[in-house]
Amino acid sequence: MDAVAAAINTGSELAQIYNDISVLENHHCALTFAILRRKECALLDKAQEQQLPGRL
């Protein structure tokens, strides 16, 4: 049994948060954005301003 199936079958907190749909993928995406929102980790701020001026 893989980790996703185990999370869903056991009714884990992650499976409940993400409604059993792409549990680990959604968790990793949410965690990545949470990290990137931190001031000390905001690696994309300058790149976005330079690449997409006026669109953010």
PDB file of N, CA and C in Angstrom:
ATOM      1  N   MET A   1       0.855  -1.182   0.000  1.00  0.00           N
ATOM      2  CA  MET A   1       0.000   0.000   0.000  1.00  0.00           C
ATOM      3  C   MET A   1       0.899   1.243   0.000  1.00  0.00           C
ATOM      4  N   ASP A   2       0.592   2.191  -0.870  1.00  0.00           N
ATOM      5  CA  ASP A   2       1.411   3.400  -0.913  1.00  0.00           C
ATOM      6  C   ASP A   2       0.958   4.393   0.159  1.00  0.00           C
ATOM      7  N   ALA A   3       1.719   5.461   0.304  1.00  0.00           N
ATOM      8  CA  ALA A   3       1.461   6.432   1.367  1.00  0.00           C
ATOM      9  C   ALA A   3       0.109   7.126   1.201  1.00  0.00           C
ATOM     10  N   VAL A   4      -0.280   7.415  -0.039  1.00  0.00           N
ATOM     11  CA  VAL A   4      -1.562   8.091  -0.270  1.00  0.00           C
ATOM     12  C   VAL A   4      -2.716   7.184   0.129  1.00  0.00           C
ATOM     13  N   ALA A   5      -2.672   5.944  -0.302  1.00  0.00           N
ATOM     14  CA  ALA A   5      -3.734   4.995   0.052  1.00  0.00           C
ATOM     15  C   ALA A   5      -3.798   4.807   1.563  1.00  0.00           C
ATOM     16  N   ALA A   6      -2.649   4.733   2.203  1.00  0.00           N
ATOM     17  CA  ALA A   6      -2.617   4.569   3.656  1.00  0.00           C
ATOM     18  C   ALA A   6      -3.243   5.771   4.347  1.00  0.00           C
ATOM     19  N   ALA A   7      -2.941   6.974   3.866  1.00  0.00           N
ATOM     20  CA  ALA A   7      -3.505   8.186   4.466  1.00  0.00           C
ATOM     21  C   ALA A   7      -5.017   8.204   4.329  1.00  0.00           C
ATOM     22  N   ILE A   8      -5.506   7.828   3.160  1.00  0.00           N
ATOM     23  CA  ILE A   8      -6.947   7.813   2.921  1.00  0.00           C
ATOM     24  C   ILE A   8      -7.622   6.720   3.738  1.00  0.00           C
ATOM     25  N   ASN A   9      -7.050   5.515   3.717  1.00  0.00           N
ATOM     26  CA  ASN A   9      -7.662   4.374   4.411  1.00  0.00           C
ATOM     27  C   ASN A   9      -7.695   4.537   5.921  1.00  0.00           C
ATOM     28  N   THR A  10      -6.740   5.253   6.474  1.00  0.00           N
ATOM     29  CA  THR A  10      -6.710   5.452   7.920  1.00  0.00           C
ATOM     30  C   THR A  10      -7.448   6.711   8.344  1.00  0.00           C
ATOM     31  N   GLY A  11      -7.936   7.481   7.365  1.00  0.00           N
ATOM     32  CA  GLY A  11      -8.656   8.708   7.698  1.00  0.00           C
ATOM     33  C   GLY A  11      -7.752   9.744   8.333  1.00  0.00           C
ATOM     34  N   SER A  12      -6.517   9.812   7.849  1.00  0.00           N
ATOM     35  CA  SER A  12      -5.544  10.729   8.442  1.00  0.00           C
ATOM     36  C   SER A  12      -6.011  12.179   8.334  1.00  0.00           C
ATOM     37  N   GLU A  13      -5.392  13.031   9.134  1.00  0.00           N
ATOM     38  CA  GLU A  13      -5.728  14.455   9.128  1.00  0.00           C
ATOM     39  C   GLU A  13      -5.518  15.055   7.737  1.00  0.00           C
ATOM     40  N   LEU A  14      -4.422  14.680   7.074  1.00  0.00           N
ATOM     41  CA  LEU A  14      -4.168  15.198   5.729  1.00  0.00           C
ATOM     42  C   LEU A  14      -5.262  14.770   4.759  1.00  0.00           C
ATOM     43  N   ALA A  15      -5.682  13.528   4.838  1.00  0.00           N
ATOM     44  CA  ALA A  15      -6.741  13.037   3.951  1.00  0.00           C
ATOM     45  C   ALA A  15      -8.042  13.795   4.199  1.00  0.00           C
ATOM     46  N   GLN A  16      -8.311  14.120   5.449  1.00  0.00           N
ATOM     47  CA  GLN A  16      -9.523  14.872   5.765  1.00  0.00           C
ATOM     48  C   GLN A  16      -9.429  16.306   5.258  1.00  0.00           C
ATOM     49  N   ILE A  17      -8.266  16.926   5.415  1.00  0.00           N
ATOM     50  CA  ILE A  17      -8.084  18.309   4.963  1.00  0.00           C
ATOM     51  C   ILE A  17      -8.263  18.411   3.456  1.00  0.00           C
ATOM     52  N   TYR A  18      -7.690  17.455   2.721  1.00  0.00           N
ATOM     53  CA  TYR A  18      -7.689  17.531   1.265  1.00  0.00           C
ATOM     54  C   TYR A  18      -8.740  16.635   0.628  1.00  0.00           C
ATOM     55  N   ASN A  19      -9.729  16.219   1.389  1.00  0.00           N
ATOM     56  CA  ASN A  19     -10.884  15.465   0.875  1.00  0.00           C
ATOM     57  C   ASN A  19     -10.500  14.229   0.071  1.00  0.00           C
ATOM     58  N   ASP A  20      -9.455  13.550   0.478  1.00  0.00           N
ATOM     59  CA  ASP A  20      -9.010  12.302  -0.160  1.00  0.00           C
ATOM     60  C   ASP A  20      -8.618  12.483  -1.630  1.00  0.00           C
ATOM     61  N   ILE A  21      -8.416  13.694  -2.082  1.00  0.00           N
ATOM     62  CA  ILE A  21      -8.070  13.955  -3.479  1.00  0.00           C
ATOM     63  C   ILE A  21      -6.638  14.455  -3.549  1.00  0.00           C
ATOM     64  N   SER A  22      -5.767  13.690  -4.178  1.00  0.00           N
ATOM     65  CA  SER A  22      -4.355  14.069  -4.327  1.00  0.00           C
ATOM     66  C   SER A  22      -3.791  14.555  -2.996  1.00  0.00           C
ATOM     67  N   VAL A  23      -3.939  13.760  -1.976  1.00  0.00           N
ATOM     68  CA  VAL A  23      -3.619  14.154  -0.598  1.00  0.00           C
ATOM     69  C   VAL A  23      -2.193  14.686  -0.466  1.00  0.00           C
ATOM     70  N   LEU A  24      -1.215  13.886  -0.838  1.00  0.00           N
ATOM     71  CA  LEU A  24       0.170  14.310  -0.647  1.00  0.00           C
ATOM     72  C   LEU A  24       0.550  15.446  -1.589  1.00  0.00           C
ATOM     73  N   GLU A  25       0.045  15.422  -2.804  1.00  0.00           N
ATOM     74  CA  GLU A  25       0.351  16.491  -3.749  1.00  0.00           C
ATOM     75  C   GLU A  25      -0.184  17.829  -3.240  1.00  0.00           C
ATOM     76  N   ASN A  26      -1.423  17.839  -2.763  1.00  0.00           N
ATOM     77  CA  ASN A  26      -2.009  19.066  -2.225  1.00  0.00           C
ATOM     78  C   ASN A  26      -1.270  19.530  -0.981  1.00  0.00           C
ATOM     79  N   HIS A  27      -0.887  18.591  -0.132  1.00  0.00           N
ATOM     80  CA  HIS A  27      -0.139  18.947   1.080  1.00  0.00           C
ATOM     81  C   HIS A  27       1.196  19.582   0.716  1.00  0.00           C
ATOM     82  N   HIS A  28       1.920  18.978  -0.216  1.00  0.00           N
ATOM     83  CA  HIS A  28       3.232  19.514  -0.589  1.00  0.00           C
ATOM     84  C   HIS A  28       3.098  20.888  -1.244  1.00  0.00           C
ATOM     85  N   CYS A  29       2.098  21.076  -2.048  1.00  0.00           N
ATOM     86  CA  CYS A  29       1.859  22.377  -2.680  1.00  0.00           C
ATOM     87  C   CYS A  29       1.542  23.435  -1.624  1.00  0.00           C
ATOM     88  N   ALA A  30       0.654  23.117  -0.704  1.00  0.00           N
ATOM     89  CA  ALA A  30       0.292  24.059   0.353  1.00  0.00           C
ATOM     90  C   ALA A  30       1.487  24.385   1.231  1.00  0.00           C
ATOM     91  N   LEU A  31       2.284  23.392   1.553  1.00  0.00           N
ATOM     92  CA  LEU A  31       3.466  23.604   2.378  1.00  0.00           C
ATOM     93  C   LEU A  31       4.486  24.473   1.654  1.00  0.00           C
ATOM     94  N   THR A  32       4.681  24.234   0.368  1.00  0.00           N
ATOM     95  CA  THR A  32       5.616  25.040  -0.419  1.00  0.00           C
ATOM     96  C   THR A  32       5.209  26.503  -0.413  1.00  0.00           C
ATOM     97  N   PHE A  33       3.921  26.779  -0.657  1.00  0.00           N
ATOM     98  CA  PHE A  33       3.470  28.168  -0.655  1.00  0.00           C
ATOM     99  C   PHE A  33       3.549  28.789   0.738  1.00  0.00           C
ATOM    100  N   ALA A  34       3.312  28.009   1.774  1.00  0.00           N
ATOM    101  CA  ALA A  34       3.444  28.526   3.138  1.00  0.00           C
ATOM    102  C   ALA A  34       4.885  28.931   3.417  1.00  0.00           C
ATOM    103  N   ILE A  35       5.819  28.124   2.961  1.00  0.00           N
ATOM    104  CA  ILE A  35       7.243  28.446   3.145  1.00  0.00           C
ATOM    105  C   ILE A  35       7.607  29.690   2.344  1.00  0.00           C
ATOM    106  N   LEU A  36       7.156  29.767   1.096  1.00  0.00           N
ATOM    107  CA  LEU A  36       7.496  30.902   0.247  1.00  0.00           C
ATOM    108  C   LEU A  36       6.868  32.210   0.730  1.00  0.00           C
ATOM    109  N   ARG A  37       5.813  32.129   1.537  1.00  0.00           N
ATOM    110  CA  ARG A  37       5.208  33.349   2.092  1.00  0.00           C
ATOM    111  C   ARG A  37       6.034  33.921   3.232  1.00  0.00           C
ATOM    112  N   ARG A  38       6.911  33.125   3.817  1.00  0.00           N
ATOM    113  CA  ARG A  38       7.752  33.620   4.910  1.00  0.00           C
ATOM    114  C   ARG A  38       8.703  34.682   4.369  1.00  0.00           C
ATOM    115  N   LYS A  39       8.874  35.728   5.138  1.00  0.00           N
ATOM    116  CA  LYS A  39       9.727  36.840   4.704  1.00  0.00           C
ATOM    117  C   LYS A  39      11.132  36.367   4.367  1.00  0.00           C
ATOM    118  N   GLU A  40      11.692  35.499   5.178  1.00  0.00           N
ATOM    119  CA  GLU A  40      13.068  35.040   4.962  1.00  0.00           C
ATOM    120  C   GLU A  40      13.193  34.050   3.806  1.00  0.00           C
ATOM    121  N   CYS A  41      12.089  33.587   3.287  1.00  0.00           N
ATOM    122  CA  CYS A  41      12.110  32.597   2.199  1.00  0.00           C
ATOM    123  C   CYS A  41      11.400  33.090   0.939  1.00  0.00           C
ATOM    124  N   ALA A  42      11.063  34.346   0.874  1.00  0.00           N
ATOM    125  CA  ALA A  42      10.292  34.877  -0.251  1.00  0.00           C
ATOM    126  C   ALA A  42      11.190  35.007  -1.484  1.00  0.00           C
ATOM    127  N   LEU A  43      11.580  33.880  -2.026  1.00  0.00           N
ATOM    128  CA  LEU A  43      12.533  33.846  -3.126  1.00  0.00           C
ATOM    129  C   LEU A  43      11.961  34.368  -4.429  1.00  0.00           C
ATOM    130  N   LEU A  44      10.666  34.292  -4.601  1.00  0.00           N
ATOM    131  CA  LEU A  44      10.062  34.629  -5.879  1.00  0.00           C
ATOM    132  C   LEU A  44       9.581  36.075  -5.978  1.00  0.00           C
ATOM    133  N   ASP A  45       9.628  36.835  -4.894  1.00  0.00           N
ATOM    134  CA  ASP A  45       9.099  38.196  -4.915  1.00  0.00           C
ATOM    135  C   ASP A  45       9.732  39.059  -5.998  1.00  0.00           C
ATOM    136  N   LYS A  46      11.040  39.137  -6.020  1.00  0.00           N
ATOM    137  CA  LYS A  46      11.735  39.982  -6.991  1.00  0.00           C
ATOM    138  C   LYS A  46      11.563  39.449  -8.407  1.00  0.00           C
ATOM    139  N   ALA A  47      11.637  38.158  -8.587  1.00  0.00           N
ATOM    140  CA  ALA A  47      11.490  37.569  -9.918  1.00  0.00           C
ATOM    141  C   ALA A  47      10.121  37.870 -10.490  1.00  0.00           C
ATOM    142  N   GLN A  48       9.096  37.770  -9.685  1.00  0.00           N
ATOM    143  CA  GLN A  48       7.741  38.042 -10.160  1.00  0.00           C
ATOM    144  C   GLN A  48       7.573  39.502 -10.552  1.00  0.00           C
ATOM    145  N   GLU A  49       8.151  40.411  -9.749  1.00  0.00           N
ATOM    146  CA  GLU A  49       8.047  41.828 -10.055  1.00  0.00           C
ATOM    147  C   GLU A  49       8.731  42.153 -11.376  1.00  0.00           C
ATOM    148  N   GLN A  50       9.858  41.521 -11.634  1.00  0.00           N
ATOM    149  CA  GLN A  50      10.617  41.790 -12.849  1.00  0.00           C
ATOM    150  C   GLN A  50       9.978  41.130 -14.075  1.00  0.00           C
ATOM    151  N   GLN A  51       9.429  39.942 -13.920  1.00  0.00           N
ATOM    152  CA  GLN A  51       8.889  39.202 -15.046  1.00  0.00           C
ATOM    153  C   GLN A  51       7.457  39.608 -15.408  1.00  0.00           C
ATOM    154  N   LEU A  52       6.680  39.969 -14.411  1.00  0.00           N
ATOM    155  CA  LEU A  52       5.263  40.273 -14.648  1.00  0.00           C
ATOM    156  C   LEU A  52       4.878  41.621 -14.038  1.00  0.00           C
ATOM    157  N   PRO A  53       5.501  42.691 -14.458  1.00  0.00           N
ATOM    158  CA  PRO A  53       5.180  43.985 -13.833  1.00  0.00           C
ATOM    159  C   PRO A  53       3.715  44.347 -14.044  1.00  0.00           C
ATOM    160  N   GLY A  54       3.082  44.774 -12.970  1.00  0.00           N
ATOM    161  CA  GLY A  54       1.698  45.209 -13.032  1.00  0.00           C
ATOM    162  C   GLY A  54       0.674  44.088 -13.070  1.00  0.00           C
ATOM    163  N   ARG A  55       1.093  42.849 -13.048  1.00  0.00           N
ATOM    164  CA  ARG A  55       0.135  41.730 -13.124  1.00  0.00           C
ATOM    165  C   ARG A  55      -0.108  41.065 -11.789  1.00  0.00           C
ATOM    166  N   LEU A  56       0.628  41.426 -10.770  1.00  0.00           N
ATOM    167  CA  LEU A  56       0.452  40.742  -9.487  1.00  0.00           C
ATOM    168  C   LEU A  56      -0.375  41.570  -8.545  1.00  0.00           C
TER     169      LEU A  56
END
